[in-house]
Amino acid sequence: MKWFYNLRRFVRNLIAGALWGVLFVLACIVGGVYGNNADNVPVALAVGVVAVFIAAIVFTVFAIIATRRQKQPDGGSNKKTTPPPRSYPQFSNPLTPPKTSPAPDVSDARRAPQPLPTYPAKIKIVVFERRIADVDVKSGDACIIKFEKNSFMATENGNAIIDASCYVNGQKIGEFPYGRQLRAVYGNREYNCKIASHQIVDDKHEVYIDIDLPFVIDNKLPLVTNLVGVTFENRQAHIAASVVGDMLSIVHTPTDEYPNTIQVYNTAINACIGVLPNNIDVKLVKKYKSGCEFSGVISSIYGGAGGKNYGIDIVVLTHK
């Protein structure tokens, strides 16, 4: 009955209800035509009534079991899942080639995602002039990026904006400009880096950090987005088999009708889980040209309970 479990809750209930409806109609016919003369009921009709009765009971029981399974913690929920804990790389020489970060702790995951490659980068942070004036910041100092709720700023839905604050010697000196993208990949956990340089230019402090990132920065990437087309071509099943942190292959796959289509494949299960929204694929194809490819990672999976479809968010990391 696996096919029945995979149906939406509404469809399962509809099938069970339809069988009870058919049974009721047959019972009315038998009662109206034969009355108390049960011995005169044709054998075929009697067998049919019994078969429908048994089927109604069986499908009702399976519908109840499937619904209970969906309500369990591993049966899916509407709450977005955050990336599993991941060990973060320390500072490395900017001239070193891309490396692989340590495997994450995935004790609460169904399957351990493959670790993401990281790339050394030098990033200019947004300095808080009043704060940094009281802190002795030198090249080589350890720096920690912490994700904190902003006390004054909020999003349109009223939730506090999350800042990626840079701390040196326990003091906040500025913000990391790609905090949203880093948080989408790794969650709200602290991230280690080092001060690359600190100088004063035109009475303003300039601070650069050396940091290993899971993405390569240009004017379009990294990019945080949801996926569309997730209900076609068995993609709901593919998303259900996916895990937050799975690596993605993102490929321009044009058709005559949709020349800018960019499909997203989960490399762990070798299956398509959706396509990029139209307003995004047009921009990427325009910049990176026909046949472009990217790497990415799943940042959240939500839905799936109560017969609702799965949704999925990703981060487009690098252009191949």
Protein backbone atom coordinates (compact mmCIF):
# COMPACT_ATOMS: atom_id res chain seq x y z
CA MET A 1 0.00 0.00 0.00
CA LYS A 2 2.99 2.31 -0.39
CA TRP A 3 1.27 4.03 -3.30
CA PHE A 4 -1.66 4.83 -1.01
CA TYR A 5 0.63 6.33 1.69
CA ASN A 6 2.21 8.62 -0.91
CA LEU A 7 -1.13 10.13 -1.85
CA ARG A 8 -2.21 13.45 -0.41
CA ARG A 9 -4.34 13.22 2.73
CA PHE A 10 -7.39 14.63 0.91
CA VAL A 11 -7.16 11.95 -1.82
CA ARG A 12 -6.77 9.14 0.72
CA ASN A 13 -9.85 10.30 2.61
CA LEU A 14 -11.75 10.69 -0.64
CA ILE A 15 -11.05 7.09 -1.66
CA ALA A 16 -12.12 5.73 1.75
CA GLY A 17 -15.24 7.91 1.75
CA ALA A 18 -16.17 6.87 -1.78
CA LEU A 19 -16.01 3.17 -0.81
CA TRP A 20 -18.34 3.74 2.14
CA GLY A 21 -20.65 5.69 -0.18
CA VAL A 22 -20.74 2.82 -2.67
CA LEU A 23 -21.45 0.40 0.19
CA PHE A 24 -24.34 2.56 1.39
CA VAL A 25 -25.84 2.68 -2.12
CA LEU A 26 -25.55 -1.11 -2.53
CA ALA A 27 -27.13 -1.67 0.87
CA CYS A 28 -30.06 0.59 -0.06
CA ILE A 29 -30.55 -1.30 -3.33
CA VAL A 30 -30.48 -4.70 -1.65
CA GLY A 31 -32.77 -3.52 1.12
CA GLY A 32 -35.22 -1.90 -1.29
CA VAL A 33 -35.39 -4.75 -3.79
CA TYR A 34 -35.19 -7.84 -1.60
CA GLY A 35 -36.32 -6.55 1.78
CA ASN A 36 -36.27 -9.37 4.30
CA ASN A 37 -35.78 -12.03 1.62
CA ALA A 38 -32.02 -12.25 2.04
CA ASP A 39 -31.97 -15.76 0.60
CA ASN A 40 -33.05 -14.39 -2.78
CA VAL A 41 -30.08 -12.01 -3.11
CA PRO A 42 -27.90 -13.07 -6.11
CA VAL A 43 -24.51 -14.50 -5.16
CA ALA A 44 -22.61 -12.00 -7.34
CA LEU A 45 -24.36 -9.07 -5.67
CA ALA A 46 -23.72 -10.45 -2.21
CA VAL A 47 -20.04 -11.01 -2.99
CA GLY A 48 -19.81 -7.46 -4.34
CA VAL A 49 -21.33 -5.99 -1.18
CA VAL A 50 -18.93 -7.95 1.03
CA ALA A 51 -15.93 -6.98 -1.13
CA VAL A 52 -16.81 -3.28 -1.00
CA PHE A 53 -17.34 -3.54 2.78
CA ILE A 54 -13.90 -5.13 3.29
CA ALA A 55 -12.24 -2.61 0.96
CA ALA A 56 -13.86 0.31 2.82
CA ILE A 57 -12.54 -0.98 6.14
CA VAL A 58 -9.02 -1.65 4.77
CA PHE A 59 -8.63 1.73 3.08
CA THR A 60 -10.03 3.56 6.11
CA VAL A 61 -7.50 1.85 8.39
CA PHE A 62 -4.62 2.65 6.02
CA ALA A 63 -5.78 6.26 5.74
CA ILE A 64 -5.73 6.61 9.54
CA ILE A 65 -2.26 5.03 9.76
CA ALA A 66 -0.87 7.30 7.02
CA THR A 67 -2.27 10.40 8.72
CA ARG A 68 -0.75 9.42 12.07
CA ARG A 69 2.63 8.81 10.46
CA GLN A 70 2.61 12.27 8.89
CA LYS A 71 1.93 13.81 12.28
CA GLN A 72 5.04 12.19 13.76
CA PRO A 73 8.28 14.31 13.91
CA ASP A 74 9.90 12.47 11.00
CA GLY A 75 6.73 12.61 8.89
CA GLY A 76 7.27 16.22 7.82
CA SER A 77 6.13 19.55 9.22
CA ASN A 78 5.47 23.07 8.03
CA LYS A 79 8.37 24.41 10.01
CA LYS A 80 11.53 25.18 8.10
CA THR A 81 14.50 23.03 9.02
CA THR A 82 17.82 24.66 9.71
CA PRO A 83 21.17 23.28 8.51
CA PRO A 84 22.73 20.65 10.79
CA PRO A 85 25.63 21.75 13.04
CA ARG A 86 28.81 22.08 11.04
CA SER A 87 32.43 22.58 12.09
CA TYR A 88 33.85 25.77 10.66
CA PRO A 89 37.25 26.20 9.02
CA GLN A 90 39.89 28.41 10.57
CA PHE A 91 41.96 30.99 8.69
CA SER A 92 44.12 29.75 5.85
CA ASN A 93 46.48 31.42 3.43
CA PRO A 94 44.44 33.25 0.74
CA LEU A 95 46.60 31.67 -1.95
CA THR A 96 45.71 28.12 -1.03
CA PRO A 97 43.30 26.23 -3.32
CA PRO A 98 39.71 25.46 -2.34
CA LYS A 99 39.47 22.95 0.48
CA THR A 100 36.77 20.86 2.10
CA SER A 101 35.36 21.80 5.50
CA PRO A 102 35.09 19.10 8.22
CA ALA A 103 32.06 16.84 8.11
CA PRO A 104 29.11 18.14 10.12
CA ASP A 105 27.55 16.62 13.21
CA VAL A 106 24.27 15.25 11.86
CA SER A 107 22.97 13.25 14.81
CA ASP A 108 19.50 14.69 14.19
CA ALA A 109 19.50 14.20 10.40
CA ARG A 110 18.27 11.24 8.39
CA ARG A 111 21.38 11.24 6.24
CA ALA A 112 24.67 13.10 6.50
CA PRO A 113 25.06 15.62 3.64
CA GLN A 114 28.40 15.86 1.90
CA PRO A 115 30.67 18.63 3.27
CA LEU A 116 30.82 21.78 1.16
CA PRO A 117 34.06 22.99 -0.42
CA THR A 118 35.27 26.33 0.94
CA TYR A 119 37.19 29.12 -0.79
CA PRO A 120 39.56 31.63 0.86
CA ALA A 121 38.44 35.25 0.45
CA LYS A 122 39.37 38.72 1.67
CA ILE A 123 36.28 40.75 2.57
CA LYS A 124 35.90 44.38 3.65
CA ILE A 125 33.56 44.62 6.63
CA VAL A 126 31.20 47.50 7.44
CA VAL A 127 33.01 49.20 10.33
CA PHE A 128 31.33 50.83 13.34
CA GLU A 129 33.55 53.90 13.69
CA ARG A 130 32.64 54.69 17.30
CA ARG A 131 33.17 51.13 18.46
CA ILE A 132 36.43 50.39 16.67
CA ALA A 133 38.07 53.55 18.05
CA ASP A 134 38.23 51.88 21.46
CA VAL A 135 39.53 48.51 20.22
CA ASP A 136 43.12 47.64 19.35
CA VAL A 137 42.65 45.79 16.06
CA LYS A 138 45.74 44.31 14.39
CA SER A 139 46.41 42.09 11.40
CA GLY A 140 46.24 38.45 12.43
CA ASP A 141 43.77 39.00 15.28
CA ALA A 142 41.09 36.36 15.61
CA CYS A 143 37.64 37.56 14.52
CA ILE A 144 34.30 35.88 15.17
CA ILE A 145 31.10 36.42 13.19
CA LYS A 146 28.01 36.13 15.40
CA PHE A 147 24.40 36.23 14.23
CA GLU A 148 22.36 38.57 16.44
CA LYS A 149 18.90 40.08 16.37
CA ASN A 150 18.87 43.79 15.55
CA SER A 151 17.25 45.78 18.40
CA PHE A 152 15.94 48.52 16.09
CA MET A 153 15.38 47.08 12.62
CA ALA A 154 12.69 44.60 11.62
CA THR A 155 11.46 42.98 8.42
CA GLU A 156 8.08 43.69 6.84
CA ASN A 157 6.45 40.87 8.83
CA GLY A 158 7.71 42.30 12.11
CA ASN A 159 10.55 39.83 12.77
CA ALA A 160 13.87 41.27 13.89
CA ILE A 161 16.58 41.56 11.24
CA ILE A 162 19.54 39.25 11.92
CA ASP A 163 22.92 41.01 11.82
CA ALA A 164 26.22 39.24 11.12
CA SER A 165 28.31 41.08 13.73
CA CYS A 166 32.12 40.93 13.69
CA TYR A 167 33.79 40.66 17.11
CA VAL A 168 37.47 41.18 17.96
CA ASN A 169 38.70 40.72 21.54
CA GLY A 170 35.09 40.47 22.66
CA GLN A 171 34.14 43.83 21.11
CA LYS A 172 31.78 44.37 18.18
CA ILE A 173 33.62 46.34 15.49
CA GLY A 174 31.39 45.96 12.42
CA GLU A 175 29.21 43.77 10.23
CA PHE A 176 29.98 41.07 7.67
CA PRO A 177 28.32 42.14 4.39
CA TYR A 178 27.34 38.61 3.28
CA GLY A 179 25.75 37.54 6.54
CA ARG A 180 22.40 36.55 5.03
CA GLN A 181 24.04 34.16 2.58
CA LEU A 182 26.40 32.69 5.18
CA ARG A 183 23.55 32.20 7.65
CA ALA A 184 21.43 30.49 4.97
CA VAL A 185 24.18 27.91 4.48
CA TYR A 186 25.35 27.35 8.06
CA GLY A 187 22.53 28.58 10.31
CA ASN A 188 22.97 30.88 13.33
CA ARG A 189 26.27 29.46 14.49
CA GLU A 190 29.43 31.47 15.08
CA TYR A 191 31.97 31.56 12.26
CA ASN A 192 35.72 32.05 12.67
CA CYS A 193 37.99 34.27 10.57
CA LYS A 194 41.01 36.58 11.04
CA ILE A 195 41.81 40.23 10.54
CA ALA A 196 43.69 40.62 7.25
CA SER A 197 44.41 44.35 7.54
CA HIS A 198 43.39 47.47 9.43
CA GLN A 199 44.20 50.98 8.28
CA ILE A 200 42.81 54.51 8.46
CA VAL A 201 42.01 56.20 5.14
CA ASP A 202 40.63 59.77 5.10
CA ASP A 203 39.94 59.50 8.84
CA LYS A 204 37.89 56.34 8.29
CA HIS A 205 38.79 52.85 9.49
CA GLU A 206 39.11 50.17 6.82
CA VAL A 207 39.12 46.57 8.01
CA TYR A 208 39.47 43.48 5.84
CA ILE A 209 39.08 39.93 7.09
CA ASP A 210 40.50 36.67 5.76
CA ILE A 211 37.74 34.09 5.74
CA ASP A 212 36.99 30.70 4.20
CA LEU A 213 33.57 30.81 2.54
CA PRO A 214 31.38 28.11 0.99
CA PHE A 215 30.69 30.41 -1.97
CA VAL A 216 32.54 32.59 -4.47
CA ILE A 217 31.41 36.22 -4.51
CA ASP A 218 30.59 38.21 -7.63
CA ASN A 219 27.88 40.76 -8.45
CA LYS A 220 25.19 38.03 -8.77
CA LEU A 221 26.36 35.33 -6.36
CA PRO A 222 25.84 33.97 -3.79
CA LEU A 223 22.07 33.96 -4.22
CA VAL A 224 19.38 32.83 -1.76
CA THR A 225 16.12 31.75 -3.40
CA ASN A 226 13.22 29.32 -3.30
CA LEU A 227 12.47 26.82 -6.06
CA VAL A 228 9.36 26.62 -8.25
CA GLY A 229 7.91 23.74 -10.28
CA VAL A 230 8.28 21.47 -7.24
CA THR A 231 5.07 19.50 -7.91
CA PHE A 232 6.00 18.26 -11.39
CA GLU A 233 7.82 15.10 -12.52
CA ASN A 234 7.73 13.38 -9.09
CA ARG A 235 9.74 16.22 -7.52
CA GLN A 236 7.75 16.05 -4.28
CA ALA A 237 9.17 12.58 -3.70
CA HIS A 238 12.66 13.82 -4.58
CA ILE A 239 12.39 16.67 -2.07
CA ALA A 240 11.11 14.27 0.59
CA ALA A 241 14.27 12.20 0.05
CA SER A 242 16.50 15.28 0.33
CA VAL A 243 18.29 16.62 3.41
CA VAL A 244 19.18 20.18 4.37
CA GLY A 245 22.85 20.59 3.43
CA ASP A 246 22.71 18.41 0.30
CA MET A 247 24.85 19.73 -2.54
CA LEU A 248 23.17 20.80 -5.76
CA SER A 249 24.02 20.94 -9.44
CA ILE A 250 22.21 23.86 -11.08
CA VAL A 251 22.14 23.70 -14.88
CA HIS A 252 20.70 25.85 -17.68
CA THR A 253 18.38 23.49 -19.61
CA PRO A 254 16.58 25.55 -22.27
CA THR A 255 13.52 24.43 -24.20
CA ASP A 256 11.77 26.00 -27.15
CA GLU A 257 8.98 27.24 -24.90
CA TYR A 258 11.18 28.22 -21.92
CA PRO A 259 14.66 29.20 -23.17
CA ASN A 260 15.91 30.42 -19.78
CA THR A 261 14.93 27.41 -17.66
CA ILE A 262 17.52 26.48 -15.03
CA GLN A 263 16.92 23.11 -13.37
CA VAL A 264 18.22 22.17 -9.92
CA TYR A 265 19.47 18.64 -9.22
CA ASN A 266 20.23 17.10 -5.83
CA THR A 267 23.52 15.31 -6.46
CA ALA A 268 23.06 13.05 -3.41
CA ILE A 269 20.00 11.38 -4.94
CA ASN A 270 20.68 12.24 -8.60
CA ALA A 271 17.23 13.76 -9.13
CA CYS A 272 15.68 17.11 -10.09
CA ILE A 273 13.96 18.94 -7.21
CA GLY A 274 12.73 22.06 -9.04
CA VAL A 275 13.69 25.05 -11.18
CA LEU A 276 14.79 28.60 -10.42
CA PRO A 277 12.08 31.31 -10.51
CA ASN A 278 11.69 33.05 -13.86
CA ASN A 279 12.91 36.46 -12.66
CA ILE A 280 16.15 34.85 -11.47
CA ASP A 281 16.93 32.49 -14.35
CA VAL A 282 16.64 35.33 -16.88
CA LYS A 283 19.26 37.38 -15.03
CA LEU A 284 21.65 34.45 -14.59
CA VAL A 285 21.46 33.36 -18.23
CA LYS A 286 21.99 36.96 -19.35
CA LYS A 287 25.17 37.28 -17.26
CA TYR A 288 26.64 33.78 -17.49
CA LYS A 289 25.35 32.89 -21.00
CA SER A 290 23.68 29.81 -22.44
CA GLY A 291 24.67 26.48 -20.90
CA CYS A 292 25.79 28.01 -17.61
CA GLU A 293 26.17 25.76 -14.56
CA PHE A 294 26.34 26.47 -10.84
CA SER A 295 26.83 24.67 -7.55
CA GLY A 296 24.46 25.14 -4.65
CA VAL A 297 23.15 23.77 -1.37
CA ILE A 298 19.72 23.12 0.19
CA SER A 299 19.15 25.63 2.99
CA SER A 300 15.64 24.65 4.15
CA ILE A 301 12.81 22.19 3.46
CA TYR A 302 9.28 22.82 4.69
CA GLY A 303 5.72 21.54 4.29
CA GLY A 304 4.78 17.92 3.68
CA ALA A 305 2.36 17.52 6.58
CA GLY A 306 -1.41 17.31 6.37
CA GLY A 307 -1.33 16.66 2.64
CA LYS A 308 0.53 19.92 1.94
CA ASN A 309 3.23 20.08 -0.71
CA TYR A 310 6.88 20.38 0.15
CA GLY A 311 8.67 23.68 -0.47
CA ILE A 312 12.40 24.19 -0.62
CA ASP A 313 14.94 27.04 -0.35
CA ILE A 314 18.48 26.91 -1.71
CA VAL A 315 21.64 28.97 -1.98
CA VAL A 316 23.32 29.26 -5.39
CA LEU A 317 26.98 29.19 -4.34
CA THR A 318 29.35 29.37 -7.30
CA HIS A 319 29.44 29.57 -11.09
CA LYS A 320 31.20 26.56 -12.55
